[in-house]
Amino acid sequence: MIREPGDLFPAPKGCVPSRGQEGRVDVATRTEAQGTLTLVLGGTRSGKSEVAERLVGEHAGPDGSVTYVATGAFPTGTGDPLWDARVQAHRNRRPSRWETMELGPGRDLGAATGTLAGTVLIDSLGAWVAGLDGFRVDHDRLCADLRGRVDAGCDLTVVVSEEVGLGVHPPTSVGVAFADALGAANQRLAAVCDEVLLVVAGRTLALGGGR
């Protein structure tokens, strides 16, 4: 089922932190009432999305709800057929019980996910950055929103992102600017995550957490 952000179920009382009241806790002092923020990195076709989907699926259980936040361009049937097919493949893998929030270009990722309850999967950070004007990311706000959500006890949040710098140097200035912006966003987000995973050829390497 695909819904807009405003249509999704509200977070329970006490789950959404107030702006400026996000709070910070060390991993060692975390309790079961607090959530977990995980970053899953990987190159193109590395299997990172499948790893993230498995993580949230196992965490939520057979009857658990997951909200999938899709940040890529919506398939229209009139654009790139390869992109449309790729998006459709992602949709086909999701269990029917999962909710889907399709976040359009330029939308506030942190604010949108902050209104959600339960387990959340964001796929992907790179597609979201690509839709921002000038690839300008408010790192402090994004990290505070995502960190604040799990610290308020809102269960597991998994963010999928493309690891840049593993391939050829971008041949255009726009490509360089995007790689720089996404690389910086990955580093800043990793620093506030409880767990960071790197996926290569479908194999997962735990990098530890930044907290």
N, C-alpha and C. Protein backbone atom coordinates (compact mmCIF):
# COMPACT_ATOMS: atom_id res chain seq x y z
N MET A 1 0.84 -1.18 0.00
CA MET A 1 0.00 0.00 0.00
C MET A 1 0.89 1.25 0.00
N ILE A 2 0.64 2.17 -0.93
CA ILE A 2 1.44 3.38 -1.04
C ILE A 2 0.64 4.56 -0.54
N ARG A 3 1.24 5.30 0.38
CA ARG A 3 0.55 6.45 0.96
C ARG A 3 1.48 7.65 1.00
N GLU A 4 0.88 8.80 1.15
CA GLU A 4 1.64 10.02 1.34
C GLU A 4 1.98 10.18 2.82
N PRO A 5 3.02 10.99 3.15
CA PRO A 5 3.43 11.14 4.54
C PRO A 5 2.29 11.50 5.49
N GLY A 6 1.40 12.37 5.09
CA GLY A 6 0.32 12.79 5.97
C GLY A 6 -0.73 11.73 6.22
N ASP A 7 -0.74 10.69 5.39
CA ASP A 7 -1.74 9.64 5.52
C ASP A 7 -1.31 8.54 6.47
N LEU A 8 -0.03 8.48 6.81
CA LEU A 8 0.47 7.38 7.62
C LEU A 8 0.04 7.52 9.07
N PHE A 9 0.01 6.40 9.74
CA PHE A 9 -0.44 6.39 11.14
C PHE A 9 0.48 7.25 12.00
N PRO A 10 -0.07 7.95 12.99
CA PRO A 10 0.75 8.83 13.83
C PRO A 10 1.59 8.03 14.80
N ALA A 11 2.69 8.63 15.21
CA ALA A 11 3.53 8.01 16.23
C ALA A 11 2.84 8.10 17.57
N PRO A 12 3.04 7.12 18.45
CA PRO A 12 2.42 7.16 19.77
C PRO A 12 3.01 8.27 20.63
N LYS A 13 2.27 8.65 21.66
CA LYS A 13 2.72 9.70 22.55
C LYS A 13 4.08 9.35 23.15
N GLY A 14 4.99 10.32 23.12
CA GLY A 14 6.31 10.10 23.68
C GLY A 14 7.32 9.56 22.68
N CYS A 15 6.86 9.24 21.47
CA CYS A 15 7.76 8.66 20.48
C CYS A 15 8.48 9.73 19.68
N VAL A 16 7.80 10.82 19.38
CA VAL A 16 8.40 11.86 18.56
C VAL A 16 9.02 12.93 19.45
N PRO A 17 10.34 13.15 19.35
CA PRO A 17 10.99 14.14 20.20
C PRO A 17 10.69 15.55 19.72
N SER A 18 10.65 16.48 20.64
CA SER A 18 10.48 17.88 20.28
C SER A 18 11.76 18.41 19.68
N ARG A 19 11.62 19.35 18.74
CA ARG A 19 12.79 19.95 18.13
C ARG A 19 13.66 20.59 19.21
N GLY A 20 14.93 20.27 19.17
CA GLY A 20 15.85 20.81 20.15
C GLY A 20 15.92 20.00 21.42
N GLN A 21 15.05 18.95 21.54
CA GLN A 21 15.04 18.12 22.74
C GLN A 21 15.39 16.67 22.42
N GLU A 22 16.14 16.48 21.33
CA GLU A 22 16.41 15.13 20.86
C GLU A 22 17.18 14.29 21.87
N GLY A 23 18.15 14.92 22.55
CA GLY A 23 18.92 14.20 23.56
C GLY A 23 19.95 13.28 22.94
N ARG A 24 20.98 12.97 23.71
CA ARG A 24 22.04 12.08 23.26
C ARG A 24 22.33 11.07 24.36
N VAL A 25 22.47 9.82 24.00
CA VAL A 25 22.84 8.81 24.97
C VAL A 25 23.93 7.94 24.40
N ASP A 26 24.80 7.42 25.25
CA ASP A 26 25.84 6.51 24.82
C ASP A 26 25.24 5.13 24.61
N VAL A 27 25.86 4.36 23.71
CA VAL A 27 25.38 3.00 23.45
C VAL A 27 25.35 2.19 24.73
N ALA A 28 26.35 2.36 25.57
CA ALA A 28 26.45 1.58 26.80
C ALA A 28 25.30 1.83 27.75
N THR A 29 24.63 2.99 27.63
CA THR A 29 23.55 3.33 28.55
C THR A 29 22.18 3.16 27.93
N ARG A 30 22.13 2.62 26.71
CA ARG A 30 20.86 2.46 26.04
C ARG A 30 20.01 1.40 26.74
N THR A 31 18.70 1.55 26.64
CA THR A 31 17.77 0.60 27.24
C THR A 31 16.94 -0.03 26.14
N GLU A 32 16.18 -1.08 26.51
CA GLU A 32 15.35 -1.74 25.53
C GLU A 32 14.24 -0.83 25.01
N ALA A 33 13.92 0.23 25.76
CA ALA A 33 12.87 1.14 25.34
C ALA A 33 13.35 2.07 24.23
N GLN A 34 14.65 2.12 24.02
CA GLN A 34 15.20 2.99 23.01
C GLN A 34 15.39 2.23 21.70
N GLY A 35 15.35 2.96 20.59
CA GLY A 35 15.49 2.32 19.30
C GLY A 35 16.95 2.18 18.89
N THR A 36 17.14 1.73 17.65
CA THR A 36 18.47 1.54 17.10
C THR A 36 18.52 2.18 15.72
N LEU A 37 19.60 2.89 15.45
CA LEU A 37 19.81 3.52 14.15
C LEU A 37 20.95 2.80 13.43
N THR A 38 20.65 2.22 12.27
CA THR A 38 21.63 1.44 11.52
C THR A 38 21.79 2.01 10.12
N LEU A 39 23.03 2.16 9.68
CA LEU A 39 23.35 2.62 8.33
C LEU A 39 23.90 1.46 7.54
N VAL A 40 23.31 1.19 6.37
CA VAL A 40 23.76 0.11 5.49
C VAL A 40 24.33 0.74 4.22
N LEU A 41 25.64 0.62 4.05
CA LEU A 41 26.35 1.20 2.92
C LEU A 41 26.68 0.14 1.88
N GLY A 42 26.79 0.55 0.64
CA GLY A 42 27.20 -0.38 -0.40
C GLY A 42 27.20 0.30 -1.75
N GLY A 43 27.92 -0.28 -2.69
CA GLY A 43 27.94 0.25 -4.04
C GLY A 43 26.73 -0.18 -4.83
N THR A 44 26.67 0.24 -6.09
CA THR A 44 25.58 -0.15 -6.97
C THR A 44 25.55 -1.67 -7.15
N ARG A 45 24.35 -2.25 -7.00
CA ARG A 45 24.15 -3.69 -7.16
C ARG A 45 24.95 -4.52 -6.16
N SER A 46 25.23 -3.96 -5.02
CA SER A 46 26.01 -4.68 -3.99
C SER A 46 25.14 -5.62 -3.16
N GLY A 47 23.82 -5.38 -3.21
CA GLY A 47 22.91 -6.15 -2.37
C GLY A 47 22.53 -5.43 -1.09
N LYS A 48 22.87 -4.15 -1.00
CA LYS A 48 22.62 -3.39 0.23
C LYS A 48 21.13 -3.29 0.56
N SER A 49 20.29 -3.10 -0.45
CA SER A 49 18.86 -2.98 -0.19
C SER A 49 18.29 -4.29 0.33
N GLU A 50 18.73 -5.41 -0.26
CA GLU A 50 18.24 -6.71 0.20
C GLU A 50 18.66 -6.97 1.65
N VAL A 51 19.89 -6.58 2.00
CA VAL A 51 20.37 -6.75 3.38
C VAL A 51 19.51 -5.92 4.33
N ALA A 52 19.24 -4.68 3.96
CA ALA A 52 18.43 -3.80 4.81
C ALA A 52 17.01 -4.33 4.96
N GLU A 53 16.44 -4.81 3.87
CA GLU A 53 15.08 -5.35 3.92
C GLU A 53 15.03 -6.58 4.83
N ARG A 54 16.07 -7.40 4.78
CA ARG A 54 16.11 -8.58 5.65
C ARG A 54 16.22 -8.18 7.12
N LEU A 55 17.02 -7.15 7.39
CA LEU A 55 17.19 -6.67 8.76
C LEU A 55 15.87 -6.22 9.37
N VAL A 56 15.15 -5.37 8.65
CA VAL A 56 13.90 -4.86 9.20
C VAL A 56 12.83 -5.94 9.26
N GLY A 57 12.85 -6.84 8.26
CA GLY A 57 11.87 -7.92 8.26
C GLY A 57 12.05 -8.86 9.44
N GLU A 58 13.31 -9.21 9.73
CA GLU A 58 13.58 -10.09 10.86
C GLU A 58 13.27 -9.40 12.18
N HIS A 59 13.53 -8.11 12.25
CA HIS A 59 13.28 -7.37 13.49
C HIS A 59 11.79 -7.24 13.76
N ALA A 60 11.03 -6.94 12.71
CA ALA A 60 9.60 -6.71 12.89
C ALA A 60 8.84 -8.02 13.12
N GLY A 61 9.38 -9.13 12.61
CA GLY A 61 8.70 -10.41 12.78
C GLY A 61 7.63 -10.62 11.73
N PRO A 62 7.01 -11.81 11.71
CA PRO A 62 6.04 -12.13 10.67
C PRO A 62 4.79 -11.26 10.67
N ASP A 63 4.43 -10.71 11.81
CA ASP A 63 3.23 -9.88 11.89
C ASP A 63 3.56 -8.42 12.15
N GLY A 64 4.84 -8.08 12.17
CA GLY A 64 5.24 -6.71 12.48
C GLY A 64 5.09 -5.77 11.31
N SER A 65 4.89 -4.51 11.61
CA SER A 65 4.74 -3.51 10.56
C SER A 65 6.08 -2.84 10.28
N VAL A 66 6.30 -2.51 9.03
CA VAL A 66 7.49 -1.78 8.59
C VAL A 66 7.02 -0.66 7.67
N THR A 67 7.56 0.53 7.86
CA THR A 67 7.29 1.62 6.93
C THR A 67 8.52 1.81 6.05
N TYR A 68 8.35 1.65 4.76
CA TYR A 68 9.42 1.77 3.78
C TYR A 68 9.36 3.18 3.20
N VAL A 69 10.42 3.97 3.42
CA VAL A 69 10.48 5.34 2.91
C VAL A 69 11.29 5.32 1.62
N ALA A 70 10.60 5.46 0.50
CA ALA A 70 11.24 5.43 -0.82
C ALA A 70 11.58 6.86 -1.23
N THR A 71 12.86 7.12 -1.48
CA THR A 71 13.29 8.49 -1.76
C THR A 71 13.59 8.73 -3.23
N GLY A 72 13.57 7.69 -4.06
CA GLY A 72 13.89 7.85 -5.47
C GLY A 72 12.75 8.45 -6.26
N ALA A 73 13.04 8.84 -7.50
CA ALA A 73 12.01 9.39 -8.38
C ALA A 73 10.94 8.34 -8.65
N PHE A 74 9.68 8.78 -8.69
CA PHE A 74 8.59 7.86 -8.92
C PHE A 74 8.58 7.43 -10.38
N PRO A 75 8.36 6.14 -10.66
CA PRO A 75 8.25 5.70 -12.06
C PRO A 75 6.97 6.24 -12.68
N THR A 76 7.10 6.79 -13.87
CA THR A 76 5.94 7.38 -14.55
C THR A 76 5.54 6.64 -15.80
N GLY A 77 6.43 5.77 -16.29
CA GLY A 77 6.14 5.08 -17.53
C GLY A 77 6.53 5.89 -18.75
N THR A 78 6.95 7.14 -18.53
CA THR A 78 7.34 7.98 -19.67
C THR A 78 8.80 8.41 -19.59
N GLY A 79 9.50 7.95 -18.56
CA GLY A 79 10.90 8.34 -18.38
C GLY A 79 11.84 7.22 -18.76
N ASP A 80 12.77 6.92 -17.86
CA ASP A 80 13.77 5.90 -18.09
C ASP A 80 13.17 4.52 -17.78
N PRO A 81 13.01 3.65 -18.76
CA PRO A 81 12.39 2.34 -18.50
C PRO A 81 13.23 1.47 -17.58
N LEU A 82 14.55 1.63 -17.61
CA LEU A 82 15.40 0.84 -16.71
C LEU A 82 15.19 1.24 -15.26
N TRP A 83 15.05 2.57 -15.03
CA TRP A 83 14.78 3.04 -13.67
C TRP A 83 13.41 2.56 -13.21
N ASP A 84 12.41 2.66 -14.08
CA ASP A 84 11.07 2.21 -13.72
C ASP A 84 11.07 0.74 -13.33
N ALA A 85 11.82 -0.07 -14.09
CA ALA A 85 11.89 -1.51 -13.80
C ALA A 85 12.58 -1.76 -12.47
N ARG A 86 13.59 -0.94 -12.17
CA ARG A 86 14.32 -1.12 -10.92
C ARG A 86 13.44 -0.79 -9.72
N VAL A 87 12.70 0.30 -9.83
CA VAL A 87 11.78 0.68 -8.75
C VAL A 87 10.72 -0.40 -8.56
N GLN A 88 10.20 -0.93 -9.67
CA GLN A 88 9.18 -1.96 -9.58
C GLN A 88 9.72 -3.22 -8.91
N ALA A 89 10.99 -3.55 -9.19
CA ALA A 89 11.60 -4.72 -8.56
C ALA A 89 11.68 -4.54 -7.04
N HIS A 90 12.00 -3.32 -6.60
CA HIS A 90 12.02 -3.03 -5.17
C HIS A 90 10.62 -3.19 -4.58
N ARG A 91 9.62 -2.70 -5.28
CA ARG A 91 8.25 -2.79 -4.79
C ARG A 91 7.82 -4.25 -4.67
N ASN A 92 8.20 -5.04 -5.66
CA ASN A 92 7.77 -6.44 -5.67
C ASN A 92 8.38 -7.24 -4.52
N ARG A 93 9.53 -6.81 -4.01
CA ARG A 93 10.17 -7.54 -2.91
C ARG A 93 9.53 -7.27 -1.56
N ARG A 94 8.82 -6.17 -1.45
CA ARG A 94 8.27 -5.80 -0.14
C ARG A 94 7.03 -6.61 0.18
N PRO A 95 6.94 -7.08 1.42
CA PRO A 95 5.72 -7.78 1.85
C PRO A 95 4.52 -6.84 1.76
N SER A 96 3.38 -7.38 1.46
CA SER A 96 2.17 -6.56 1.28
C SER A 96 1.76 -5.83 2.55
N ARG A 97 2.17 -6.34 3.71
CA ARG A 97 1.78 -5.69 4.97
C ARG A 97 2.60 -4.44 5.25
N TRP A 98 3.71 -4.23 4.53
CA TRP A 98 4.52 -3.04 4.74
C TRP A 98 3.81 -1.82 4.18
N GLU A 99 3.94 -0.70 4.90
CA GLU A 99 3.49 0.59 4.39
C GLU A 99 4.63 1.20 3.57
N THR A 100 4.27 2.00 2.55
CA THR A 100 5.27 2.69 1.76
C THR A 100 4.99 4.18 1.75
N MET A 101 6.00 4.96 2.11
CA MET A 101 5.94 6.42 1.98
C MET A 101 6.85 6.81 0.83
N GLU A 102 6.29 7.37 -0.22
CA GLU A 102 7.09 7.82 -1.35
C GLU A 102 7.40 9.30 -1.15
N LEU A 103 8.65 9.58 -0.86
CA LEU A 103 9.08 10.93 -0.52
C LEU A 103 9.60 11.61 -1.78
N GLY A 104 8.92 12.63 -2.22
CA GLY A 104 9.31 13.32 -3.44
C GLY A 104 10.58 14.12 -3.29
N PRO A 105 11.18 14.54 -4.42
CA PRO A 105 12.42 15.32 -4.38
C PRO A 105 12.26 16.59 -3.55
N GLY A 106 13.28 16.88 -2.74
CA GLY A 106 13.29 18.10 -1.94
C GLY A 106 12.53 18.03 -0.64
N ARG A 107 11.89 16.90 -0.36
CA ARG A 107 11.13 16.78 0.90
C ARG A 107 12.08 16.62 2.08
N ASP A 108 11.61 17.00 3.25
CA ASP A 108 12.41 16.94 4.48
C ASP A 108 12.40 15.51 5.00
N LEU A 109 13.49 14.78 4.80
CA LEU A 109 13.56 13.38 5.17
C LEU A 109 13.44 13.18 6.67
N GLY A 110 14.19 13.95 7.44
CA GLY A 110 14.17 13.80 8.88
C GLY A 110 12.80 14.09 9.48
N ALA A 111 12.17 15.16 9.03
CA ALA A 111 10.86 15.53 9.56
C ALA A 111 9.80 14.49 9.20
N ALA A 112 9.88 13.96 7.97
CA ALA A 112 8.89 12.98 7.53
C ALA A 112 8.99 11.69 8.33
N THR A 113 10.20 11.20 8.54
CA THR A 113 10.37 9.95 9.28
C THR A 113 10.12 10.15 10.77
N GLY A 114 10.29 11.36 11.26
CA GLY A 114 10.05 11.62 12.67
C GLY A 114 8.60 11.44 13.07
N THR A 115 7.68 11.43 12.11
CA THR A 115 6.27 11.26 12.42
C THR A 115 5.84 9.80 12.42
N LEU A 116 6.77 8.89 12.11
CA LEU A 116 6.42 7.48 11.94
C LEU A 116 6.68 6.68 13.21
N ALA A 117 5.85 5.69 13.44
CA ALA A 117 6.05 4.76 14.55
C ALA A 117 6.54 3.43 14.01
N GLY A 118 7.09 2.62 14.89
CA GLY A 118 7.51 1.28 14.50
C GLY A 118 8.81 1.25 13.74
N THR A 119 9.03 0.16 13.02
CA THR A 119 10.27 -0.05 12.27
C THR A 119 10.23 0.71 10.96
N VAL A 120 11.32 1.39 10.65
CA VAL A 120 11.38 2.22 9.44
C VAL A 120 12.62 1.86 8.62
N LEU A 121 12.43 1.75 7.31
CA LEU A 121 13.53 1.53 6.36
C LEU A 121 13.54 2.67 5.36
N ILE A 122 14.67 3.37 5.26
CA ILE A 122 14.82 4.48 4.32
C ILE A 122 15.76 4.03 3.20
N ASP A 123 15.28 4.06 1.97
CA ASP A 123 16.08 3.61 0.83
C ASP A 123 15.84 4.55 -0.34
N SER A 124 16.79 5.45 -0.67
CA SER A 124 18.12 5.50 -0.06
C SER A 124 18.49 6.96 0.21
N LEU A 125 19.56 7.12 0.99
CA LEU A 125 20.05 8.46 1.29
C LEU A 125 20.57 9.14 0.03
N GLY A 126 21.23 8.36 -0.84
CA GLY A 126 21.78 8.93 -2.07
C GLY A 126 20.71 9.50 -2.98
N ALA A 127 19.60 8.78 -3.14
CA ALA A 127 18.51 9.27 -3.98
C ALA A 127 17.91 10.53 -3.39
N TRP A 128 17.85 10.61 -2.06
CA TRP A 128 17.32 11.82 -1.41
C TRP A 128 18.26 13.00 -1.64
N VAL A 129 19.57 12.80 -1.47
CA VAL A 129 20.54 13.87 -1.69
C VAL A 129 20.47 14.35 -3.14
N ALA A 130 20.31 13.42 -4.07
CA ALA A 130 20.26 13.78 -5.49
C ALA A 130 19.08 14.70 -5.79
N GLY A 131 18.01 14.62 -5.01
CA GLY A 131 16.84 15.46 -5.24
C GLY A 131 16.88 16.81 -4.55
N LEU A 132 17.95 17.08 -3.79
CA LEU A 132 18.06 18.36 -3.10
C LEU A 132 18.66 19.42 -4.01
N ASP A 133 18.22 20.64 -3.85
CA ASP A 133 18.76 21.74 -4.62
C ASP A 133 20.23 21.93 -4.32
N GLY A 134 21.09 21.75 -5.32
CA GLY A 134 22.52 21.91 -5.13
C GLY A 134 23.14 20.85 -4.24
N PHE A 135 22.40 19.76 -4.00
CA PHE A 135 22.87 18.67 -3.12
C PHE A 135 23.21 19.18 -1.71
N ARG A 136 22.52 20.23 -1.29
CA ARG A 136 22.83 20.82 0.01
C ARG A 136 22.07 20.09 1.12
N VAL A 137 22.84 19.47 2.01
CA VAL A 137 22.27 18.68 3.11
C VAL A 137 22.50 19.41 4.43
N ASP A 138 21.43 19.57 5.20
CA ASP A 138 21.56 20.10 6.55
C ASP A 138 21.93 18.92 7.44
N HIS A 139 23.23 18.65 7.57
CA HIS A 139 23.69 17.46 8.29
C HIS A 139 23.22 17.45 9.74
N ASP A 140 23.34 18.58 10.40
CA ASP A 140 22.99 18.64 11.82
C ASP A 140 21.52 18.30 12.03
N ARG A 141 20.66 18.86 11.19
CA ARG A 141 19.24 18.61 11.35
C ARG A 141 18.89 17.17 11.01
N LEU A 142 19.44 16.65 9.91
CA LEU A 142 19.16 15.27 9.52
C LEU A 142 19.57 14.29 10.60
N CYS A 143 20.78 14.45 11.11
CA CYS A 143 21.28 13.54 12.15
C CYS A 143 20.47 13.67 13.43
N ALA A 144 20.12 14.90 13.79
CA ALA A 144 19.34 15.11 15.01
C ALA A 144 17.95 14.48 14.89
N ASP A 145 17.33 14.60 13.72
CA ASP A 145 16.00 14.04 13.52
C ASP A 145 16.02 12.51 13.59
N LEU A 146 16.96 11.90 12.89
CA LEU A 146 17.03 10.44 12.87
C LEU A 146 17.48 9.89 14.22
N ARG A 147 18.49 10.53 14.81
CA ARG A 147 18.97 10.11 16.12
C ARG A 147 17.89 10.31 17.19
N GLY A 148 17.20 11.44 17.11
CA GLY A 148 16.17 11.73 18.08
C GLY A 148 15.01 10.75 18.01
N ARG A 149 14.70 10.30 16.81
CA ARG A 149 13.59 9.35 16.65
C ARG A 149 13.86 8.06 17.42
N VAL A 150 15.03 7.48 17.25
CA VAL A 150 15.31 6.21 17.92
C VAL A 150 15.57 6.40 19.41
N ASP A 151 16.16 7.53 19.79
CA ASP A 151 16.40 7.77 21.21
C ASP A 151 15.10 7.97 21.96
N ALA A 152 14.04 8.34 21.24
CA ALA A 152 12.73 8.50 21.87
C ALA A 152 11.98 7.18 21.97
N GLY A 153 12.64 6.08 21.56
CA GLY A 153 12.03 4.77 21.69
C GLY A 153 11.20 4.34 20.51
N CYS A 154 11.53 4.85 19.32
CA CYS A 154 10.72 4.55 18.14
C CYS A 154 11.21 3.34 17.35
N ASP A 155 11.83 2.38 18.01
CA ASP A 155 12.20 1.11 17.39
C ASP A 155 13.35 1.28 16.39
N LEU A 156 13.50 0.30 15.51
CA LEU A 156 14.62 0.24 14.59
C LEU A 156 14.43 1.16 13.39
N THR A 157 15.48 1.92 13.06
CA THR A 157 15.51 2.72 11.84
C THR A 157 16.73 2.30 11.04
N VAL A 158 16.53 1.87 9.81
CA VAL A 158 17.62 1.45 8.93
C VAL A 158 17.68 2.41 7.74
N VAL A 159 18.87 2.95 7.48
CA VAL A 159 19.07 3.86 6.36
C VAL A 159 20.02 3.20 5.37
N VAL A 160 19.60 3.09 4.12
CA VAL A 160 20.44 2.56 3.05
C VAL A 160 21.10 3.73 2.34
N SER A 161 22.40 3.61 2.04
CA SER A 161 23.08 4.67 1.30
C SER A 161 24.16 4.08 0.41
N GLU A 162 24.45 4.81 -0.65
CA GLU A 162 25.48 4.40 -1.59
C GLU A 162 26.84 4.85 -1.10
N GLU A 163 27.79 3.94 -1.04
CA GLU A 163 29.15 4.30 -0.66
C GLU A 163 29.86 4.85 -1.89
N VAL A 164 30.31 6.08 -1.79
CA VAL A 164 30.95 6.73 -2.94
C VAL A 164 32.47 6.52 -2.89
N GLY A 165 33.11 6.74 -4.02
CA GLY A 165 34.56 6.68 -4.08
C GLY A 165 35.13 5.30 -4.36
N LEU A 166 34.29 4.30 -4.62
CA LEU A 166 34.78 2.96 -4.90
C LEU A 166 34.96 2.72 -6.40
N GLY A 167 34.48 3.64 -7.21
CA GLY A 167 34.57 3.47 -8.66
C GLY A 167 35.42 4.54 -9.30
N VAL A 168 35.14 4.83 -10.56
CA VAL A 168 35.91 5.83 -11.31
C VAL A 168 35.57 7.23 -10.80
N HIS A 169 36.48 8.16 -11.01
CA HIS A 169 36.24 9.55 -10.64
C HIS A 169 35.15 10.11 -11.53
N PRO A 170 34.15 10.78 -10.97
CA PRO A 170 33.07 11.32 -11.79
C PRO A 170 33.61 12.24 -12.88
N PRO A 171 33.17 12.07 -14.13
CA PRO A 171 33.72 12.86 -15.23
C PRO A 171 33.16 14.27 -15.34
N THR A 172 32.13 14.61 -14.57
CA THR A 172 31.51 15.92 -14.65
C THR A 172 31.57 16.63 -13.30
N SER A 173 31.44 17.95 -13.36
CA SER A 173 31.45 18.72 -12.11
C SER A 173 30.24 18.40 -11.25
N VAL A 174 29.11 18.10 -11.88
CA VAL A 174 27.91 17.74 -11.13
C VAL A 174 28.14 16.40 -10.41
N GLY A 175 28.77 15.47 -11.11
CA GLY A 175 29.06 14.17 -10.50
C GLY A 175 29.99 14.30 -9.31
N VAL A 176 31.00 15.16 -9.44
CA VAL A 176 31.94 15.39 -8.34
C VAL A 176 31.20 16.01 -7.15
N ALA A 177 30.34 17.00 -7.43
CA ALA A 177 29.60 17.67 -6.36
C ALA A 177 28.68 16.68 -5.64
N PHE A 178 28.04 15.79 -6.38
CA PHE A 178 27.16 14.80 -5.76
C PHE A 178 27.96 13.83 -4.89
N ALA A 179 29.08 13.34 -5.41
CA ALA A 179 29.90 12.41 -4.64
C ALA A 179 30.40 13.06 -3.35
N ASP A 180 30.80 14.32 -3.45
CA ASP A 180 31.27 15.03 -2.25
C ASP A 180 30.14 15.19 -1.24
N ALA A 181 28.94 15.55 -1.73
CA ALA A 181 27.81 15.78 -0.82
C ALA A 181 27.37 14.49 -0.15
N LEU A 182 27.27 13.42 -0.93
CA LEU A 182 26.82 12.15 -0.35
C LEU A 182 27.88 11.57 0.58
N GLY A 183 29.16 11.69 0.19
CA GLY A 183 30.22 11.20 1.07
C GLY A 183 30.21 11.88 2.41
N ALA A 184 30.00 13.19 2.40
CA ALA A 184 29.94 13.95 3.66
C ALA A 184 28.72 13.53 4.48
N ALA A 185 27.58 13.34 3.81
CA ALA A 185 26.37 12.93 4.52
C ALA A 185 26.54 11.55 5.15
N ASN A 186 27.18 10.63 4.41
CA ASN A 186 27.42 9.29 4.95
C ASN A 186 28.28 9.35 6.21
N GLN A 187 29.32 10.16 6.17
CA GLN A 187 30.23 10.25 7.32
C GLN A 187 29.53 10.86 8.53
N ARG A 188 28.75 11.91 8.30
CA ARG A 188 28.07 12.56 9.42
C ARG A 188 27.02 11.64 10.04
N LEU A 189 26.28 10.92 9.17
CA LEU A 189 25.25 10.02 9.69
C LEU A 189 25.88 8.83 10.41
N ALA A 190 26.95 8.28 9.85
CA ALA A 190 27.62 7.14 10.47
C ALA A 190 28.08 7.47 11.89
N ALA A 191 28.45 8.72 12.10
CA ALA A 191 28.96 9.13 13.40
C ALA A 191 27.92 9.08 14.50
N VAL A 192 26.62 9.11 14.13
CA VAL A 192 25.56 9.08 15.15
C VAL A 192 24.79 7.76 15.13
N CYS A 193 25.26 6.79 14.34
CA CYS A 193 24.56 5.50 14.24
C CYS A 193 25.04 4.53 15.32
N ASP A 194 24.17 3.62 15.71
CA ASP A 194 24.54 2.56 16.63
C ASP A 194 25.27 1.44 15.91
N GLU A 195 24.98 1.29 14.61
CA GLU A 195 25.60 0.23 13.83
C GLU A 195 25.75 0.69 12.39
N VAL A 196 26.91 0.38 11.80
CA VAL A 196 27.17 0.69 10.39
C VAL A 196 27.61 -0.59 9.71
N LEU A 197 26.96 -0.93 8.60
CA LEU A 197 27.27 -2.13 7.84
C LEU A 197 27.72 -1.76 6.44
N LEU A 198 28.69 -2.49 5.91
CA LEU A 198 29.14 -2.32 4.53
C LEU A 198 28.82 -3.60 3.78
N VAL A 199 28.12 -3.47 2.65
CA VAL A 199 27.72 -4.63 1.86
C VAL A 199 28.52 -4.64 0.56
N VAL A 200 29.21 -5.76 0.31
CA VAL A 200 29.98 -5.95 -0.92
C VAL A 200 29.63 -7.32 -1.49
N ALA A 201 29.14 -7.34 -2.72
CA ALA A 201 28.78 -8.60 -3.37
C ALA A 201 27.85 -9.46 -2.52
N GLY A 202 26.93 -8.79 -1.84
CA GLY A 202 25.96 -9.51 -1.02
C GLY A 202 26.47 -9.96 0.33
N ARG A 203 27.76 -9.70 0.61
CA ARG A 203 28.36 -10.04 1.91
C ARG A 203 28.40 -8.81 2.78
N THR A 204 28.15 -9.01 4.07
CA THR A 204 28.04 -7.88 5.00
C THR A 204 29.21 -7.83 5.96
N LEU A 205 29.79 -6.64 6.08
CA LEU A 205 30.89 -6.40 7.02
C LEU A 205 30.42 -5.37 8.03
N ALA A 206 30.47 -5.74 9.32
CA ALA A 206 30.09 -4.81 10.38
C ALA A 206 31.24 -3.86 10.65
N LEU A 207 30.98 -2.56 10.56
CA LEU A 207 32.00 -1.54 10.77
C LEU A 207 31.95 -0.94 12.16
N GLY A 208 31.01 -1.41 12.99
CA GLY A 208 30.86 -0.82 14.31
C GLY A 208 29.93 0.37 14.26
N GLY A 209 29.79 1.04 15.36
CA GLY A 209 28.94 2.22 15.43
C GLY A 209 29.73 3.45 15.75
N GLY A 210 29.12 4.60 15.45
CA GLY A 210 29.81 5.85 15.74
C GLY A 210 29.49 6.40 17.10
N ARG A 211 28.56 5.73 17.81
CA ARG A 211 28.11 6.22 19.10
C ARG A 211 28.97 5.66 20.21
